[in-house]
Amino acid sequence: MYKLKFSSMISTIFFLTALGMPLDVRAAQEQQLTDKGQATPELLKESKKVFDDCQRNRMRSSHYDCTCVSKRFMEERARAGANVSQYNILVDISNECFDIPKAAEYALESCMGSGRAAFALSYKDGTTFEEFCQCASRNYALEFQAVDTYVTRNIMSGIKTKSLLRCQTPLPGNKNVYKRLDQ
């Protein structure tokens, strides 16, 4: 493998632009790795693939900052070396780079699309469906932000279910409820 050493920032930007990397990823990668002589063509290509895979995956791109994931992957790959699998590196950094506003937006859209059943089971206290979904979105984002493990679709689904349950108004006297996180 060759180590890249560029004589000027222009040649670095030209090289990364040729790979089709977003500007903010380019700047971070150029700053942290090229200056250290660690940005190999293979590393840049693999980092771009991680970014592209993140962008194509609806669940990932709606919960993570793909630029951050690509940058962190590149840092960890440079540190860990080629013998560590891409999957293991992604698992190790999976509780980083959350995009909480996008996760809340995902939860709101999901609730507005399929949350009527959960709302219908709720004790009616004057809360509108839109207010219910706003509550579910806030609680989803707050719980998602606290995740400290590898995030799978099952974990996301569990967080979504709990966020809906947290926002249902319990029947008077019912003590078996999830505590709301936004109050």
N, C-alpha and C. Protein backbone atom coordinates (compact mmCIF):
# COMPACT_ATOMS: atom_id res chain seq x y z
N MET A 1 0.84 -1.18 0.00
CA MET A 1 0.00 0.00 0.00
C MET A 1 0.88 1.24 0.00
N TYR A 2 0.42 2.25 -0.72
CA TYR A 2 1.19 3.49 -0.74
C TYR A 2 0.61 4.46 0.27
N LYS A 3 1.45 5.28 0.81
CA LYS A 3 1.01 6.37 1.66
C LYS A 3 0.97 7.61 0.79
N LEU A 4 -0.15 8.36 0.87
CA LEU A 4 -0.28 9.56 0.06
C LEU A 4 0.36 10.74 0.78
N LYS A 5 1.16 11.48 0.08
CA LYS A 5 1.71 12.73 0.60
C LYS A 5 1.53 13.75 -0.49
N PHE A 6 0.68 14.71 -0.25
CA PHE A 6 0.41 15.74 -1.24
C PHE A 6 1.18 17.00 -0.89
N SER A 7 1.66 17.67 -1.92
CA SER A 7 2.43 18.88 -1.68
C SER A 7 1.54 20.09 -1.44
N SER A 8 0.31 20.00 -1.83
CA SER A 8 -0.57 21.15 -1.61
C SER A 8 -1.99 20.69 -1.34
N MET A 9 -2.75 21.56 -0.74
CA MET A 9 -4.13 21.25 -0.44
C MET A 9 -4.93 21.08 -1.73
N ILE A 10 -4.59 21.79 -2.76
CA ILE A 10 -5.32 21.71 -4.03
C ILE A 10 -5.24 20.30 -4.60
N SER A 11 -4.07 19.70 -4.58
CA SER A 11 -3.96 18.34 -5.12
C SER A 11 -4.72 17.36 -4.25
N THR A 12 -4.76 17.59 -2.94
CA THR A 12 -5.53 16.73 -2.05
C THR A 12 -7.02 16.83 -2.36
N ILE A 13 -7.51 18.04 -2.50
CA ILE A 13 -8.94 18.24 -2.79
C ILE A 13 -9.27 17.66 -4.16
N PHE A 14 -8.39 17.85 -5.13
CA PHE A 14 -8.62 17.29 -6.46
C PHE A 14 -8.74 15.77 -6.40
N PHE A 15 -7.84 15.11 -5.66
CA PHE A 15 -7.86 13.66 -5.53
C PHE A 15 -9.16 13.19 -4.88
N LEU A 16 -9.56 13.83 -3.78
CA LEU A 16 -10.77 13.42 -3.08
C LEU A 16 -12.01 13.72 -3.90
N THR A 17 -12.00 14.83 -4.63
CA THR A 17 -13.13 15.17 -5.49
C THR A 17 -13.28 14.10 -6.57
N ALA A 18 -12.18 13.62 -7.09
CA ALA A 18 -12.23 12.57 -8.11
C ALA A 18 -12.88 11.30 -7.57
N LEU A 19 -12.76 11.06 -6.25
CA LEU A 19 -13.41 9.90 -5.64
C LEU A 19 -14.88 10.15 -5.38
N GLY A 20 -15.32 11.41 -5.54
CA GLY A 20 -16.72 11.75 -5.33
C GLY A 20 -17.11 11.90 -3.88
N MET A 21 -16.19 12.25 -3.01
CA MET A 21 -16.47 12.37 -1.58
C MET A 21 -17.09 13.74 -1.30
N PRO A 22 -18.03 13.83 -0.37
CA PRO A 22 -18.64 15.12 -0.02
C PRO A 22 -17.58 16.06 0.55
N LEU A 23 -17.81 17.36 0.38
CA LEU A 23 -16.84 18.35 0.82
C LEU A 23 -16.50 18.27 2.30
N ASP A 24 -17.51 18.10 3.17
CA ASP A 24 -17.21 18.07 4.60
C ASP A 24 -16.41 16.82 4.97
N VAL A 25 -16.65 15.70 4.30
CA VAL A 25 -15.85 14.50 4.55
C VAL A 25 -14.43 14.74 4.04
N ARG A 26 -14.35 15.34 2.87
CA ARG A 26 -13.03 15.61 2.29
C ARG A 26 -12.19 16.45 3.24
N ALA A 27 -12.78 17.50 3.78
CA ALA A 27 -12.02 18.40 4.65
C ALA A 27 -11.53 17.67 5.90
N ALA A 28 -12.42 16.90 6.51
CA ALA A 28 -12.04 16.18 7.73
C ALA A 28 -10.97 15.14 7.44
N GLN A 29 -11.15 14.40 6.36
CA GLN A 29 -10.19 13.35 6.04
C GLN A 29 -8.85 13.94 5.62
N GLU A 30 -8.89 14.99 4.84
CA GLU A 30 -7.64 15.64 4.43
C GLU A 30 -6.89 16.16 5.65
N GLN A 31 -7.63 16.79 6.54
CA GLN A 31 -7.04 17.39 7.73
C GLN A 31 -6.40 16.35 8.63
N GLN A 32 -7.11 15.27 8.92
CA GLN A 32 -6.66 14.34 9.95
C GLN A 32 -5.75 13.22 9.45
N LEU A 33 -5.95 12.78 8.23
CA LEU A 33 -5.20 11.60 7.79
C LEU A 33 -4.17 11.89 6.71
N THR A 34 -4.51 12.71 5.73
CA THR A 34 -3.55 12.97 4.67
C THR A 34 -2.32 13.66 5.24
N ASP A 35 -2.53 14.61 6.16
CA ASP A 35 -1.40 15.30 6.77
C ASP A 35 -0.51 14.33 7.53
N LYS A 36 -1.08 13.26 8.06
CA LYS A 36 -0.30 12.26 8.79
C LYS A 36 0.27 11.20 7.86
N GLY A 37 -0.07 11.30 6.57
CA GLY A 37 0.43 10.31 5.63
C GLY A 37 -0.28 8.96 5.73
N GLN A 38 -1.50 8.93 6.30
CA GLN A 38 -2.21 7.67 6.51
C GLN A 38 -3.32 7.43 5.49
N ALA A 39 -3.66 8.40 4.67
CA ALA A 39 -4.79 8.26 3.75
C ALA A 39 -4.35 7.55 2.47
N THR A 40 -4.48 6.25 2.46
CA THR A 40 -4.15 5.47 1.27
C THR A 40 -5.33 5.49 0.32
N PRO A 41 -5.11 5.22 -0.96
CA PRO A 41 -6.24 5.14 -1.89
C PRO A 41 -7.27 4.10 -1.44
N GLU A 42 -6.80 2.99 -0.88
CA GLU A 42 -7.71 1.95 -0.41
C GLU A 42 -8.57 2.45 0.75
N LEU A 43 -7.97 3.19 1.66
CA LEU A 43 -8.69 3.72 2.81
C LEU A 43 -9.73 4.74 2.36
N LEU A 44 -9.37 5.61 1.44
CA LEU A 44 -10.33 6.59 0.92
C LEU A 44 -11.48 5.91 0.20
N LYS A 45 -11.18 4.89 -0.57
CA LYS A 45 -12.22 4.15 -1.31
C LYS A 45 -13.17 3.44 -0.33
N GLU A 46 -12.61 2.80 0.69
CA GLU A 46 -13.43 2.09 1.67
C GLU A 46 -14.29 3.07 2.46
N SER A 47 -13.73 4.22 2.82
CA SER A 47 -14.48 5.24 3.55
C SER A 47 -15.64 5.78 2.71
N LYS A 48 -15.40 5.96 1.43
CA LYS A 48 -16.47 6.42 0.53
C LYS A 48 -17.57 5.36 0.44
N LYS A 49 -17.19 4.08 0.40
CA LYS A 49 -18.18 3.01 0.36
C LYS A 49 -19.03 3.01 1.63
N VAL A 50 -18.40 3.22 2.79
CA VAL A 50 -19.13 3.29 4.05
C VAL A 50 -20.13 4.46 4.00
N PHE A 51 -19.69 5.60 3.49
CA PHE A 51 -20.58 6.76 3.36
C PHE A 51 -21.75 6.43 2.44
N ASP A 52 -21.46 5.89 1.26
CA ASP A 52 -22.50 5.57 0.28
C ASP A 52 -23.48 4.54 0.84
N ASP A 53 -22.98 3.50 1.52
CA ASP A 53 -23.85 2.48 2.12
C ASP A 53 -24.77 3.12 3.16
N CYS A 54 -24.23 4.00 3.97
CA CYS A 54 -25.02 4.69 4.99
C CYS A 54 -26.12 5.52 4.33
N GLN A 55 -25.78 6.25 3.29
CA GLN A 55 -26.75 7.09 2.60
C GLN A 55 -27.86 6.27 1.95
N ARG A 56 -27.52 5.10 1.42
CA ARG A 56 -28.52 4.26 0.74
C ARG A 56 -29.45 3.55 1.72
N ASN A 57 -29.01 3.33 2.95
CA ASN A 57 -29.81 2.61 3.93
C ASN A 57 -30.75 3.60 4.62
N ARG A 58 -32.05 3.45 4.39
CA ARG A 58 -33.03 4.41 4.91
C ARG A 58 -32.97 4.54 6.43
N MET A 59 -32.86 3.42 7.12
CA MET A 59 -32.82 3.47 8.59
C MET A 59 -31.54 4.14 9.07
N ARG A 60 -30.41 3.79 8.49
CA ARG A 60 -29.14 4.39 8.91
C ARG A 60 -29.13 5.89 8.62
N SER A 61 -29.50 6.26 7.40
CA SER A 61 -29.42 7.67 7.03
C SER A 61 -30.43 8.53 7.78
N SER A 62 -31.49 7.92 8.31
CA SER A 62 -32.46 8.69 9.08
C SER A 62 -32.12 8.73 10.57
N HIS A 63 -31.05 8.08 10.98
CA HIS A 63 -30.66 8.06 12.39
C HIS A 63 -29.21 8.48 12.62
N TYR A 64 -28.41 8.47 11.58
CA TYR A 64 -26.98 8.76 11.70
C TYR A 64 -26.55 9.88 10.77
N ASP A 65 -25.52 10.58 11.14
CA ASP A 65 -24.84 11.54 10.27
C ASP A 65 -23.82 10.72 9.48
N CYS A 66 -24.13 10.44 8.23
CA CYS A 66 -23.29 9.54 7.41
C CYS A 66 -21.89 10.11 7.19
N THR A 67 -21.77 11.43 7.17
CA THR A 67 -20.45 12.05 7.05
C THR A 67 -19.61 11.72 8.27
N CYS A 68 -20.21 11.83 9.44
CA CYS A 68 -19.52 11.51 10.69
C CYS A 68 -19.15 10.02 10.71
N VAL A 69 -20.07 9.15 10.30
CA VAL A 69 -19.79 7.71 10.28
C VAL A 69 -18.58 7.42 9.38
N SER A 70 -18.56 8.02 8.20
CA SER A 70 -17.46 7.82 7.27
C SER A 70 -16.14 8.32 7.85
N LYS A 71 -16.19 9.46 8.47
CA LYS A 71 -14.98 10.04 9.08
C LYS A 71 -14.47 9.17 10.22
N ARG A 72 -15.38 8.76 11.11
CA ARG A 72 -14.98 7.91 12.24
C ARG A 72 -14.48 6.56 11.75
N PHE A 73 -15.13 6.02 10.71
CA PHE A 73 -14.67 4.76 10.14
C PHE A 73 -13.23 4.91 9.64
N MET A 74 -12.98 5.98 8.92
CA MET A 74 -11.65 6.20 8.37
C MET A 74 -10.60 6.31 9.48
N GLU A 75 -10.94 7.02 10.54
CA GLU A 75 -10.02 7.15 11.68
C GLU A 75 -9.73 5.78 12.31
N GLU A 76 -10.80 5.02 12.55
CA GLU A 76 -10.64 3.71 13.19
C GLU A 76 -9.93 2.71 12.28
N ARG A 77 -10.22 2.75 10.99
CA ARG A 77 -9.53 1.86 10.05
C ARG A 77 -8.03 2.19 10.04
N ALA A 78 -7.68 3.47 10.02
CA ALA A 78 -6.27 3.86 10.02
C ALA A 78 -5.59 3.39 11.31
N ARG A 79 -6.32 3.44 12.42
CA ARG A 79 -5.77 3.02 13.71
C ARG A 79 -5.69 1.50 13.81
N ALA A 80 -6.75 0.80 13.40
CA ALA A 80 -6.85 -0.65 13.60
C ALA A 80 -6.10 -1.46 12.55
N GLY A 81 -5.98 -0.93 11.35
CA GLY A 81 -5.29 -1.67 10.30
C GLY A 81 -6.23 -2.50 9.46
N ALA A 82 -5.68 -3.10 8.43
CA ALA A 82 -6.47 -3.82 7.43
C ALA A 82 -6.98 -5.18 7.91
N ASN A 83 -6.44 -5.71 9.00
CA ASN A 83 -6.86 -7.04 9.45
C ASN A 83 -8.18 -7.05 10.21
N VAL A 84 -8.67 -5.89 10.61
CA VAL A 84 -9.95 -5.80 11.32
C VAL A 84 -11.04 -5.62 10.26
N SER A 85 -12.12 -6.38 10.39
CA SER A 85 -13.18 -6.32 9.38
C SER A 85 -13.92 -4.99 9.44
N GLN A 86 -14.45 -4.60 8.29
CA GLN A 86 -15.26 -3.39 8.20
C GLN A 86 -16.44 -3.47 9.17
N TYR A 87 -17.08 -4.63 9.22
CA TYR A 87 -18.21 -4.84 10.11
C TYR A 87 -17.82 -4.56 11.57
N ASN A 88 -16.70 -5.10 12.03
CA ASN A 88 -16.27 -4.90 13.41
C ASN A 88 -16.01 -3.43 13.72
N ILE A 89 -15.43 -2.73 12.78
CA ILE A 89 -15.19 -1.30 12.99
C ILE A 89 -16.51 -0.56 13.08
N LEU A 90 -17.45 -0.88 12.19
CA LEU A 90 -18.74 -0.20 12.22
C LEU A 90 -19.51 -0.51 13.51
N VAL A 91 -19.40 -1.73 14.01
CA VAL A 91 -20.03 -2.07 15.29
C VAL A 91 -19.40 -1.24 16.41
N ASP A 92 -18.08 -1.12 16.39
CA ASP A 92 -17.39 -0.38 17.44
C ASP A 92 -17.77 1.10 17.48
N ILE A 93 -18.10 1.68 16.34
CA ILE A 93 -18.45 3.11 16.32
C ILE A 93 -19.95 3.34 16.19
N SER A 94 -20.75 2.28 16.31
CA SER A 94 -22.19 2.40 16.04
C SER A 94 -22.95 3.26 17.05
N ASN A 95 -22.38 3.51 18.21
CA ASN A 95 -23.09 4.36 19.17
C ASN A 95 -22.56 5.79 19.12
N GLU A 96 -21.94 6.13 18.01
CA GLU A 96 -21.47 7.49 17.77
C GLU A 96 -22.20 8.02 16.54
N CYS A 97 -22.11 9.28 16.31
CA CYS A 97 -22.60 9.91 15.08
C CYS A 97 -24.13 9.89 14.93
N PHE A 98 -24.86 9.80 16.03
CA PHE A 98 -26.31 9.87 15.95
C PHE A 98 -26.72 11.25 15.44
N ASP A 99 -27.75 11.29 14.61
CA ASP A 99 -28.35 12.54 14.16
C ASP A 99 -29.73 12.61 14.80
N ILE A 100 -29.77 13.17 15.99
CA ILE A 100 -31.00 13.17 16.79
C ILE A 100 -32.16 13.91 16.11
N PRO A 101 -31.93 15.09 15.52
CA PRO A 101 -33.07 15.73 14.83
C PRO A 101 -33.65 14.88 13.69
N LYS A 102 -32.78 14.20 12.93
CA LYS A 102 -33.30 13.33 11.86
C LYS A 102 -34.03 12.13 12.44
N ALA A 103 -33.56 11.60 13.56
CA ALA A 103 -34.24 10.48 14.21
C ALA A 103 -35.63 10.91 14.69
N ALA A 104 -35.71 12.11 15.25
CA ALA A 104 -37.01 12.63 15.71
C ALA A 104 -37.95 12.83 14.52
N GLU A 105 -37.43 13.33 13.41
CA GLU A 105 -38.23 13.51 12.21
C GLU A 105 -38.74 12.16 11.68
N TYR A 106 -37.86 11.16 11.71
CA TYR A 106 -38.25 9.81 11.30
C TYR A 106 -39.40 9.31 12.18
N ALA A 107 -39.28 9.49 13.50
CA ALA A 107 -40.31 9.02 14.43
C ALA A 107 -41.63 9.75 14.20
N LEU A 108 -41.56 11.05 13.94
CA LEU A 108 -42.78 11.82 13.69
C LEU A 108 -43.48 11.33 12.43
N GLU A 109 -42.72 11.17 11.35
CA GLU A 109 -43.31 10.68 10.10
C GLU A 109 -43.88 9.28 10.27
N SER A 110 -43.18 8.44 11.01
CA SER A 110 -43.64 7.08 11.24
C SER A 110 -44.94 7.08 12.03
N CYS A 111 -44.99 7.89 13.07
CA CYS A 111 -46.20 7.96 13.90
C CYS A 111 -47.38 8.50 13.09
N MET A 112 -47.12 9.56 12.32
CA MET A 112 -48.21 10.14 11.52
C MET A 112 -48.73 9.14 10.50
N GLY A 113 -47.86 8.24 10.05
CA GLY A 113 -48.26 7.24 9.07
C GLY A 113 -48.92 6.01 9.66
N SER A 114 -48.45 5.58 10.84
CA SER A 114 -48.96 4.31 11.37
C SER A 114 -49.25 4.34 12.87
N GLY A 115 -49.32 5.50 13.46
CA GLY A 115 -49.51 5.59 14.90
C GLY A 115 -50.94 5.69 15.37
N ARG A 116 -51.89 5.68 14.44
CA ARG A 116 -53.30 5.84 14.84
C ARG A 116 -53.78 4.72 15.75
N ALA A 117 -53.29 3.50 15.53
CA ALA A 117 -53.73 2.38 16.37
C ALA A 117 -53.28 2.60 17.82
N ALA A 118 -52.04 3.02 18.01
CA ALA A 118 -51.55 3.28 19.37
C ALA A 118 -52.31 4.44 19.99
N PHE A 119 -52.60 5.45 19.19
CA PHE A 119 -53.36 6.60 19.69
C PHE A 119 -54.78 6.18 20.08
N ALA A 120 -55.38 5.30 19.28
CA ALA A 120 -56.75 4.84 19.54
C ALA A 120 -56.84 4.07 20.85
N LEU A 121 -55.74 3.42 21.26
CA LEU A 121 -55.73 2.66 22.51
C LEU A 121 -55.53 3.56 23.74
N SER A 122 -55.22 4.79 23.50
CA SER A 122 -54.93 5.72 24.58
C SER A 122 -56.22 6.24 25.20
N TYR A 123 -56.19 6.44 26.51
CA TYR A 123 -57.31 7.08 27.20
C TYR A 123 -57.42 8.50 26.70
N LYS A 124 -58.59 8.93 26.33
CA LYS A 124 -58.76 10.25 25.72
C LYS A 124 -58.81 11.34 26.78
N ASP A 125 -57.83 12.23 26.72
CA ASP A 125 -57.78 13.34 27.66
C ASP A 125 -57.75 14.67 26.94
N GLY A 126 -58.15 14.67 25.68
CA GLY A 126 -58.13 15.90 24.90
C GLY A 126 -56.89 16.06 24.03
N THR A 127 -55.95 15.13 24.14
CA THR A 127 -54.75 15.17 23.32
C THR A 127 -55.13 14.84 21.88
N THR A 128 -54.64 15.65 20.94
CA THR A 128 -54.91 15.37 19.53
C THR A 128 -53.90 14.34 19.01
N PHE A 129 -54.21 13.76 17.87
CA PHE A 129 -53.31 12.80 17.25
C PHE A 129 -51.97 13.45 16.94
N GLU A 130 -51.99 14.69 16.45
CA GLU A 130 -50.75 15.39 16.14
C GLU A 130 -49.92 15.61 17.40
N GLU A 131 -50.55 15.98 18.51
CA GLU A 131 -49.84 16.16 19.78
C GLU A 131 -49.25 14.83 20.25
N PHE A 132 -50.01 13.77 20.09
CA PHE A 132 -49.54 12.43 20.45
C PHE A 132 -48.27 12.09 19.67
N CYS A 133 -48.28 12.34 18.36
CA CYS A 133 -47.12 12.03 17.52
C CYS A 133 -45.93 12.93 17.85
N GLN A 134 -46.18 14.19 18.18
CA GLN A 134 -45.09 15.08 18.61
C GLN A 134 -44.45 14.52 19.88
N CYS A 135 -45.25 14.08 20.81
CA CYS A 135 -44.76 13.47 22.05
C CYS A 135 -43.93 12.22 21.74
N ALA A 136 -44.48 11.36 20.89
CA ALA A 136 -43.76 10.12 20.53
C ALA A 136 -42.42 10.45 19.87
N SER A 137 -42.40 11.45 19.03
CA SER A 137 -41.17 11.85 18.36
C SER A 137 -40.12 12.34 19.36
N ARG A 138 -40.54 13.19 20.30
CA ARG A 138 -39.60 13.68 21.33
C ARG A 138 -39.06 12.54 22.18
N ASN A 139 -39.93 11.64 22.60
CA ASN A 139 -39.51 10.52 23.44
C ASN A 139 -38.62 9.54 22.68
N TYR A 140 -38.90 9.35 21.41
CA TYR A 140 -38.06 8.49 20.57
C TYR A 140 -36.65 9.07 20.51
N ALA A 141 -36.56 10.36 20.21
CA ALA A 141 -35.25 11.01 20.09
C ALA A 141 -34.48 10.97 21.41
N LEU A 142 -35.16 11.21 22.51
CA LEU A 142 -34.49 11.20 23.82
C LEU A 142 -33.96 9.81 24.17
N GLU A 143 -34.77 8.78 23.90
CA GLU A 143 -34.31 7.43 24.20
C GLU A 143 -33.22 6.99 23.23
N PHE A 144 -33.36 7.34 21.96
CA PHE A 144 -32.35 6.97 20.97
C PHE A 144 -31.00 7.60 21.32
N GLN A 145 -31.03 8.82 21.80
CA GLN A 145 -29.81 9.53 22.17
C GLN A 145 -29.05 8.82 23.29
N ALA A 146 -29.76 8.09 24.13
CA ALA A 146 -29.15 7.41 25.28
C ALA A 146 -28.61 6.01 24.95
N VAL A 147 -28.82 5.53 23.72
CA VAL A 147 -28.36 4.20 23.33
C VAL A 147 -26.84 4.15 23.41
N ASP A 148 -26.33 3.08 24.02
CA ASP A 148 -24.88 2.95 24.14
C ASP A 148 -24.39 1.59 23.64
N THR A 149 -25.13 1.00 22.73
CA THR A 149 -24.78 -0.30 22.20
C THR A 149 -24.97 -0.29 20.68
N TYR A 150 -24.63 -1.39 20.04
CA TYR A 150 -24.82 -1.51 18.61
C TYR A 150 -26.31 -1.40 18.29
N VAL A 151 -26.66 -0.49 17.41
CA VAL A 151 -28.06 -0.23 17.09
C VAL A 151 -28.49 -1.10 15.92
N THR A 152 -29.50 -1.91 16.18
CA THR A 152 -30.07 -2.77 15.15
C THR A 152 -31.50 -2.31 14.87
N ARG A 153 -32.10 -2.87 13.84
CA ARG A 153 -33.51 -2.55 13.56
C ARG A 153 -34.40 -2.95 14.73
N ASN A 154 -34.06 -4.06 15.40
CA ASN A 154 -34.86 -4.48 16.55
C ASN A 154 -34.80 -3.46 17.67
N ILE A 155 -33.62 -2.91 17.92
CA ILE A 155 -33.50 -1.88 18.96
C ILE A 155 -34.29 -0.65 18.56
N MET A 156 -34.19 -0.23 17.30
CA MET A 156 -34.96 0.93 16.84
C MET A 156 -36.46 0.68 16.97
N SER A 157 -36.88 -0.52 16.63
CA SER A 157 -38.30 -0.87 16.74
C SER A 157 -38.76 -0.83 18.19
N GLY A 158 -37.94 -1.34 19.10
CA GLY A 158 -38.27 -1.29 20.52
C GLY A 158 -38.38 0.12 21.04
N ILE A 159 -37.48 0.99 20.61
CA ILE A 159 -37.52 2.39 21.01
C ILE A 159 -38.79 3.05 20.48
N LYS A 160 -39.13 2.73 19.25
CA LYS A 160 -40.35 3.29 18.64
C LYS A 160 -41.59 2.85 19.42
N THR A 161 -41.66 1.57 19.74
CA THR A 161 -42.82 1.06 20.49
C THR A 161 -42.92 1.73 21.86
N LYS A 162 -41.79 1.82 22.57
CA LYS A 162 -41.80 2.46 23.88
C LYS A 162 -42.16 3.93 23.80
N SER A 163 -41.72 4.61 22.73
CA SER A 163 -42.06 6.03 22.61
C SER A 163 -43.57 6.22 22.42
N LEU A 164 -44.20 5.31 21.69
CA LEU A 164 -45.66 5.38 21.53
C LEU A 164 -46.35 5.10 22.86
N LEU A 165 -45.87 4.08 23.58
CA LEU A 165 -46.48 3.73 24.86
C LEU A 165 -46.28 4.84 25.90
N ARG A 166 -45.14 5.52 25.85
CA ARG A 166 -44.88 6.60 26.80
C ARG A 166 -45.88 7.76 26.63
N CYS A 167 -46.39 7.90 25.42
CA CYS A 167 -47.25 9.04 25.14
C CYS A 167 -48.74 8.71 25.21
N GLN A 168 -49.07 7.47 25.43
CA GLN A 168 -50.47 7.13 25.65
C GLN A 168 -50.86 7.62 27.04
N THR A 169 -52.02 8.24 27.14
CA THR A 169 -52.50 8.67 28.43
C THR A 169 -53.10 7.45 29.12
N PRO A 170 -52.56 7.07 30.27
CA PRO A 170 -53.07 5.86 30.93
C PRO A 170 -54.47 6.09 31.52
N LEU A 171 -55.18 5.00 31.66
CA LEU A 171 -56.47 5.07 32.34
C LEU A 171 -56.24 5.51 33.78
N PRO A 172 -57.16 6.25 34.35
CA PRO A 172 -56.98 6.69 35.74
C PRO A 172 -56.72 5.49 36.65
N GLY A 173 -55.67 5.58 37.46
CA GLY A 173 -55.33 4.53 38.40
C GLY A 173 -54.38 3.49 37.85
N ASN A 174 -54.14 3.46 36.54
CA ASN A 174 -53.25 2.47 35.94
C ASN A 174 -51.80 2.87 36.21
N LYS A 175 -51.10 2.01 36.94
CA LYS A 175 -49.71 2.31 37.29
C LYS A 175 -48.71 1.61 36.36
N ASN A 176 -49.21 0.77 35.45
CA ASN A 176 -48.34 0.03 34.52
C ASN A 176 -48.12 0.84 33.25
N VAL A 177 -47.35 1.90 33.36
CA VAL A 177 -47.09 2.76 32.20
C VAL A 177 -45.60 3.05 32.11
N TYR A 178 -45.16 3.36 30.88
CA TYR A 178 -43.79 3.83 30.68
C TYR A 178 -43.76 5.32 31.04
N LYS A 179 -42.75 5.71 31.78
CA LYS A 179 -42.60 7.10 32.17
C LYS A 179 -42.17 7.91 30.95
N ARG A 180 -42.81 9.05 30.74
CA ARG A 180 -42.42 9.93 29.64
C ARG A 180 -41.05 10.52 29.93
N LEU A 181 -40.24 10.65 28.89
CA LEU A 181 -38.89 11.19 29.02
C LEU A 181 -38.86 12.70 28.81
N ASP A 182 -39.92 13.25 28.24
CA ASP A 182 -39.92 14.68 27.91
C ASP A 182 -40.65 15.54 28.94
N GLN A 183 -40.91 14.99 30.10
CA GLN A 183 -41.58 15.78 31.15
C GLN A 183 -40.73 15.84 32.40
